[in-house]
Amino acid sequence: LVGNHTRGNRVVNLLLAGIMVGSLFS
C-alpha cells in the first residue's frame, strides 16, 4: 500500500517501504 502510493521507482519504493514497515513491527 505504501509503495504503490509513493512516487518514483516502484521496486525501490517497495524495498524502502519494506524496511520501514519491518522496523515498525520489530
PDB file of all heavy atoms in Angstrom:
ATOM      1  N   LEU A   1       0.829  -1.205   0.000  1.00  0.00           N
ATOM      2  CA  LEU A   1       0.000   0.000   0.000  1.00  0.00           C
ATOM      3  C   LEU A   1       0.861   1.252   0.000  1.00  0.00           C
ATOM      4  O   LEU A   1       0.616   2.202  -0.765  1.00  0.00           O
ATOM      5  CB  LEU A   1      -0.920  -0.014   1.217  1.00  0.00           C
ATOM      6  CG  LEU A   1      -1.937   1.131   1.322  1.00  0.00           C
ATOM      7  CD1 LEU A   1      -2.931   1.062   0.176  1.00  0.00           C
ATOM      8  CD2 LEU A   1      -2.663   1.081   2.660  1.00  0.00           C
ATOM      9  N   VAL A   2       1.891   1.266   0.847  1.00  0.00           N
ATOM     10  CA  VAL A   2       2.783   2.434   0.911  1.00  0.00           C
ATOM     11  C   VAL A   2       3.588   2.566  -0.381  1.00  0.00           C
ATOM     12  O   VAL A   2       3.687   3.655  -0.963  1.00  0.00           O
ATOM     13  CB  VAL A   2       3.726   2.312   2.128  1.00  0.00           C
ATOM     14  CG1 VAL A   2       4.771   3.423   2.098  1.00  0.00           C
ATOM     15  CG2 VAL A   2       2.937   2.361   3.422  1.00  0.00           C
ATOM     16  N   GLY A   3       4.155   1.450  -0.837  1.00  0.00           N
ATOM     17  CA  GLY A   3       4.968   1.511  -2.046  1.00  0.00           C
ATOM     18  C   GLY A   3       4.190   1.884  -3.284  1.00  0.00           C
ATOM     19  O   GLY A   3       4.718   2.528  -4.201  1.00  0.00           O
ATOM     20  N   ASN A   4       2.908   1.496  -3.337  1.00  0.00           N
ATOM     21  CA  ASN A   4       2.094   1.771  -4.516  1.00  0.00           C
ATOM     22  C   ASN A   4       1.604   3.211  -4.570  1.00  0.00           C
ATOM     23  O   ASN A   4       1.203   3.694  -5.630  1.00  0.00           O
ATOM     24  CB  ASN A   4       0.902   0.811  -4.542  1.00  0.00           C
ATOM     25  CG  ASN A   4       0.321   0.648  -5.927  1.00  0.00           C
ATOM     26  OD1 ASN A   4       1.050   0.602  -6.906  1.00  0.00           O
ATOM     27  ND2 ASN A   4      -0.996   0.558  -6.020  1.00  0.00           N
ATOM     28  N   HIS A   5       1.638   3.901  -3.433  1.00  0.00           N
ATOM     29  CA  HIS A   5       1.165   5.294  -3.391  1.00  0.00           C
ATOM     30  C   HIS A   5       2.314   6.269  -3.204  1.00  0.00           C
ATOM     31  O   HIS A   5       2.118   7.380  -2.719  1.00  0.00           O
ATOM     32  CB  HIS A   5       0.145   5.463  -2.254  1.00  0.00           C
ATOM     33  CG  HIS A   5      -1.180   4.818  -2.539  1.00  0.00           C
ATOM     34  ND1 HIS A   5      -1.389   3.463  -2.388  1.00  0.00           N
ATOM     35  CD2 HIS A   5      -2.362   5.341  -2.983  1.00  0.00           C
ATOM     36  CE1 HIS A   5      -2.643   3.168  -2.714  1.00  0.00           C
ATOM     37  NE2 HIS A   5      -3.253   4.287  -3.078  1.00  0.00           N
ATOM     38  N   THR A   6       3.495   5.853  -3.568  1.00  0.00           N
ATOM     39  CA  THR A   6       4.672   6.718  -3.478  1.00  0.00           C
ATOM     40  C   THR A   6       5.226   6.944  -4.875  1.00  0.00           C
ATOM     41  O   THR A   6       5.307   6.021  -5.693  1.00  0.00           O
ATOM     42  CB  THR A   6       5.758   6.074  -2.591  1.00  0.00           C
ATOM     43  OG1 THR A   6       5.190   5.740  -1.322  1.00  0.00           O
ATOM     44  CG2 THR A   6       6.916   7.027  -2.390  1.00  0.00           C
ATOM     45  N   ARG A   7       5.607   8.161  -5.154  1.00  0.00           N
ATOM     46  CA  ARG A   7       6.144   8.492  -6.472  1.00  0.00           C
ATOM     47  C   ARG A   7       7.562   7.935  -6.635  1.00  0.00           C
ATOM     48  O   ARG A   7       8.287   7.777  -5.659  1.00  0.00           O
ATOM     49  CB  ARG A   7       6.153  10.004  -6.673  1.00  0.00           C
ATOM     50  CG  ARG A   7       4.766  10.640  -6.698  1.00  0.00           C
ATOM     51  CD  ARG A   7       4.873  12.156  -6.892  1.00  0.00           C
ATOM     52  NE  ARG A   7       3.553  12.779  -6.910  1.00  0.00           N
ATOM     53  CZ  ARG A   7       3.356  14.084  -7.046  1.00  0.00           C
ATOM     54  NH1 ARG A   7       4.403  14.908  -7.158  1.00  0.00           N
ATOM     55  NH2 ARG A   7       2.134  14.571  -7.066  1.00  0.00           N
ATOM     56  N   GLY A   8       7.903   7.680  -7.875  1.00  0.00           N
ATOM     57  CA  GLY A   8       9.245   7.192  -8.172  1.00  0.00           C
ATOM     58  C   GLY A   8       9.230   5.747  -8.616  1.00  0.00           C
ATOM     59  O   GLY A   8       8.189   5.183  -8.981  1.00  0.00           O
ATOM     60  N   ASN A   9      10.397   5.141  -8.582  1.00  0.00           N
ATOM     61  CA  ASN A   9      10.542   3.753  -8.997  1.00  0.00           C
ATOM     62  C   ASN A   9       9.784   2.827  -8.049  1.00  0.00           C
ATOM     63  O   ASN A   9      10.003   2.843  -6.833  1.00  0.00           O
ATOM     64  CB  ASN A   9      12.036   3.382  -9.023  1.00  0.00           C
ATOM     65  CG  ASN A   9      12.262   1.998  -9.611  1.00  0.00           C
ATOM     66  OD1 ASN A   9      12.009   0.994  -8.963  1.00  0.00           O
ATOM     67  ND2 ASN A   9      12.739   1.976 -10.842  1.00  0.00           N
ATOM     68  N   ARG A  10       8.892   1.997  -8.616  1.00  0.00           N
ATOM     69  CA  ARG A  10       8.026   1.172  -7.772  1.00  0.00           C
ATOM     70  C   ARG A  10       8.817   0.121  -7.003  1.00  0.00           C
ATOM     71  O   ARG A  10       8.534  -0.151  -5.833  1.00  0.00           O
ATOM     72  CB  ARG A  10       6.961   0.495  -8.640  1.00  0.00           C
ATOM     73  CG  ARG A  10       6.008  -0.392  -7.851  1.00  0.00           C
ATOM     74  CD  ARG A  10       4.870  -0.891  -8.711  1.00  0.00           C
ATOM     75  NE  ARG A  10       4.037   0.213  -9.158  1.00  0.00           N
ATOM     76  CZ  ARG A  10       2.956   0.048  -9.925  1.00  0.00           C
ATOM     77  NH1 ARG A  10       2.601  -1.161 -10.329  1.00  0.00           N
ATOM     78  NH2 ARG A  10       2.232   1.089 -10.295  1.00  0.00           N
ATOM     79  N   VAL A  11       9.818  -0.478  -7.638  1.00  0.00           N
ATOM     80  CA  VAL A  11      10.618  -1.511  -6.979  1.00  0.00           C
ATOM     81  C   VAL A  11      11.380  -0.924  -5.796  1.00  0.00           C
ATOM     82  O   VAL A  11      11.392  -1.486  -4.691  1.00  0.00           O
ATOM     83  CB  VAL A  11      11.578  -2.176  -7.976  1.00  0.00           C
ATOM     84  CG1 VAL A  11      12.510  -3.146  -7.254  1.00  0.00           C
ATOM     85  CG2 VAL A  11      10.804  -2.899  -9.065  1.00  0.00           C
ATOM     86  N   VAL A  12      12.007   0.232  -6.012  1.00  0.00           N
ATOM     87  CA  VAL A  12      12.737   0.882  -4.935  1.00  0.00           C
ATOM     88  C   VAL A  12      11.787   1.287  -3.810  1.00  0.00           C
ATOM     89  O   VAL A  12      12.102   1.145  -2.620  1.00  0.00           O
ATOM     90  CB  VAL A  12      13.500   2.112  -5.472  1.00  0.00           C
ATOM     91  CG1 VAL A  12      14.171   2.864  -4.329  1.00  0.00           C
ATOM     92  CG2 VAL A  12      14.537   1.686  -6.494  1.00  0.00           C
ATOM     93  N   ASN A  13      10.608   1.772  -4.178  1.00  0.00           N
ATOM     94  CA  ASN A  13       9.637   2.161  -3.155  1.00  0.00           C
ATOM     95  C   ASN A  13       9.210   0.967  -2.305  1.00  0.00           C
ATOM     96  O   ASN A  13       9.025   1.083  -1.092  1.00  0.00           O
ATOM     97  CB  ASN A  13       8.411   2.781  -3.825  1.00  0.00           C
ATOM     98  CG  ASN A  13       8.710   4.150  -4.427  1.00  0.00           C
ATOM     99  OD1 ASN A  13       9.671   4.811  -4.036  1.00  0.00           O
ATOM    100  ND2 ASN A  13       7.898   4.566  -5.382  1.00  0.00           N
ATOM    101  N   LEU A  14       9.031  -0.196  -2.932  1.00  0.00           N
ATOM    102  CA  LEU A  14       8.661  -1.388  -2.175  1.00  0.00           C
ATOM    103  C   LEU A  14       9.769  -1.783  -1.201  1.00  0.00           C
ATOM    104  O   LEU A  14       9.495  -2.167  -0.055  1.00  0.00           O
ATOM    105  CB  LEU A  14       8.365  -2.544  -3.131  1.00  0.00           C
ATOM    106  CG  LEU A  14       7.035  -2.488  -3.883  1.00  0.00           C
ATOM    107  CD1 LEU A  14       6.947  -3.641  -4.877  1.00  0.00           C
ATOM    108  CD2 LEU A  14       5.860  -2.542  -2.918  1.00  0.00           C
ATOM    109  N   LEU A  15      11.016  -1.695  -1.663  1.00  0.00           N
ATOM    110  CA  LEU A  15      12.133  -2.028  -0.782  1.00  0.00           C
ATOM    111  C   LEU A  15      12.194  -1.085   0.418  1.00  0.00           C
ATOM    112  O   LEU A  15      12.349  -1.521   1.566  1.00  0.00           O
ATOM    113  CB  LEU A  15      13.447  -1.974  -1.560  1.00  0.00           C
ATOM    114  CG  LEU A  15      13.656  -3.041  -2.633  1.00  0.00           C
ATOM    115  CD1 LEU A  15      14.922  -2.772  -3.423  1.00  0.00           C
ATOM    116  CD2 LEU A  15      13.719  -4.418  -1.993  1.00  0.00           C
ATOM    117  N   LEU A  16      12.049   0.204   0.173  1.00  0.00           N
ATOM    118  CA  LEU A  16      12.092   1.182   1.261  1.00  0.00           C
ATOM    119  C   LEU A  16      10.903   1.007   2.204  1.00  0.00           C
ATOM    120  O   LEU A  16      11.046   1.100   3.436  1.00  0.00           O
ATOM    121  CB  LEU A  16      12.111   2.594   0.687  1.00  0.00           C
ATOM    122  CG  LEU A  16      13.356   2.972  -0.122  1.00  0.00           C
ATOM    123  CD1 LEU A  16      13.214   4.372  -0.707  1.00  0.00           C
ATOM    124  CD2 LEU A  16      14.608   2.882   0.735  1.00  0.00           C
ATOM    125  N   ALA A  17       9.731   0.757   1.626  1.00  0.00           N
ATOM    126  CA  ALA A  17       8.556   0.532   2.463  1.00  0.00           C
ATOM    127  C   ALA A  17       8.711  -0.736   3.295  1.00  0.00           C
ATOM    128  O   ALA A  17       8.277  -0.789   4.455  1.00  0.00           O
ATOM    129  CB  ALA A  17       7.303   0.440   1.592  1.00  0.00           C
ATOM    130  N   GLY A  18       9.351  -1.766   2.725  1.00  0.00           N
ATOM    131  CA  GLY A  18       9.601  -2.995   3.474  1.00  0.00           C
ATOM    132  C   GLY A  18      10.506  -2.756   4.667  1.00  0.00           C
ATOM    133  O   GLY A  18      10.272  -3.299   5.753  1.00  0.00           O
ATOM    134  N   ILE A  19      11.532  -1.944   4.477  1.00  0.00           N
ATOM    135  CA  ILE A  19      12.421  -1.615   5.597  1.00  0.00           C
ATOM    136  C   ILE A  19      11.663  -0.866   6.681  1.00  0.00           C
ATOM    137  O   ILE A  19      11.799  -1.148   7.880  1.00  0.00           O
ATOM    138  CB  ILE A  19      13.614  -0.784   5.080  1.00  0.00           C
ATOM    139  CG1 ILE A  19      14.475  -1.629   4.126  1.00  0.00           C
ATOM    140  CG2 ILE A  19      14.459  -0.274   6.244  1.00  0.00           C
ATOM    141  CD1 ILE A  19      15.572  -0.847   3.448  1.00  0.00           C
ATOM    142  N   MET A  20      10.842   0.083   6.267  1.00  0.00           N
ATOM    143  CA  MET A  20      10.102   0.910   7.229  1.00  0.00           C
ATOM    144  C   MET A  20       9.091   0.071   8.013  1.00  0.00           C
ATOM    145  O   MET A  20       9.057   0.099   9.246  1.00  0.00           O
ATOM    146  CB  MET A  20       9.382   2.035   6.491  1.00  0.00           C
ATOM    147  CG  MET A  20       8.551   2.928   7.400  1.00  0.00           C
ATOM    148  SD  MET A  20       7.407   3.960   6.468  1.00  0.00           S
ATOM    149  CE  MET A  20       6.279   2.711   5.843  1.00  0.00           C
ATOM    150  N   VAL A  21       8.264  -0.683   7.299  1.00  0.00           N
ATOM    151  CA  VAL A  21       7.227  -1.479   7.968  1.00  0.00           C
ATOM    152  C   VAL A  21       7.860  -2.583   8.810  1.00  0.00           C
ATOM    153  O   VAL A  21       7.396  -2.883   9.927  1.00  0.00           O
ATOM    154  CB  VAL A  21       6.257  -2.062   6.926  1.00  0.00           C
ATOM    155  CG1 VAL A  21       5.266  -3.030   7.586  1.00  0.00           C
ATOM    156  CG2 VAL A  21       5.492  -0.947   6.224  1.00  0.00           C
ATOM    157  N   GLY A  22       8.931  -3.205   8.299  1.00  0.00           N
ATOM    158  CA  GLY A  22       9.625  -4.230   9.080  1.00  0.00           C
ATOM    159  C   GLY A  22      10.176  -3.674  10.383  1.00  0.00           C
ATOM    160  O   GLY A  22      10.086  -4.322  11.434  1.00  0.00           O
ATOM    161  N   SER A  23      10.733  -2.465  10.322  1.00  0.00           N
ATOM    162  CA  SER A  23      11.238  -1.832  11.551  1.00  0.00           C
ATOM    163  C   SER A  23      10.110  -1.528  12.521  1.00  0.00           C
ATOM    164  O   SER A  23      10.263  -1.673  13.741  1.00  0.00           O
ATOM    165  CB  SER A  23      11.981  -0.540  11.191  1.00  0.00           C
ATOM    166  OG  SER A  23      13.097  -0.809  10.367  1.00  0.00           O
ATOM    167  N   LEU A  24       8.963  -1.114  11.997  1.00  0.00           N
ATOM    168  CA  LEU A  24       7.820  -0.811  12.847  1.00  0.00           C
ATOM    169  C   LEU A  24       7.338  -2.063  13.587  1.00  0.00           C
ATOM    170  O   LEU A  24       7.115  -2.037  14.803  1.00  0.00           O
ATOM    171  CB  LEU A  24       6.694  -0.228  11.998  1.00  0.00           C
ATOM    172  CG  LEU A  24       5.382   0.097  12.731  1.00  0.00           C
ATOM    173  CD1 LEU A  24       5.619   1.158  13.806  1.00  0.00           C
ATOM    174  CD2 LEU A  24       4.326   0.566  11.741  1.00  0.00           C
ATOM    175  N   PHE A  25       7.201  -3.171  12.861  1.00  0.00           N
ATOM    176  CA  PHE A  25       6.745  -4.404  13.502  1.00  0.00           C
ATOM    177  C   PHE A  25       7.805  -4.956  14.456  1.00  0.00           C
ATOM    178  O   PHE A  25       7.465  -5.548  15.488  1.00  0.00           O
ATOM    179  CB  PHE A  25       6.383  -5.444  12.443  1.00  0.00           C
ATOM    180  CG  PHE A  25       4.985  -5.308  11.911  1.00  0.00           C
ATOM    181  CD1 PHE A  25       4.741  -4.653  10.718  1.00  0.00           C
ATOM    182  CD2 PHE A  25       3.916  -5.825  12.612  1.00  0.00           C
ATOM    183  CE1 PHE A  25       3.453  -4.524  10.227  1.00  0.00           C
ATOM    184  CE2 PHE A  25       2.622  -5.703  12.139  1.00  0.00           C
ATOM    185  CZ  PHE A  25       2.384  -5.045  10.929  1.00  0.00           C
ATOM    186  N   SER A  26       9.075  -4.772  14.130  1.00  0.00           N
ATOM    187  CA  SER A  26      10.130  -5.195  15.054  1.00  0.00           C
ATOM    188  C   SER A  26      10.070  -4.410  16.349  1.00  0.00           C
ATOM    189  O   SER A  26      10.275  -4.967  17.445  1.00  0.00           O
ATOM    190  CB  SER A  26      11.506  -5.022  14.397  1.00  0.00           C
ATOM    191  OG  SER A  26      11.649  -5.873  13.278  1.00  0.00           O
TER     192      SER A  26
END
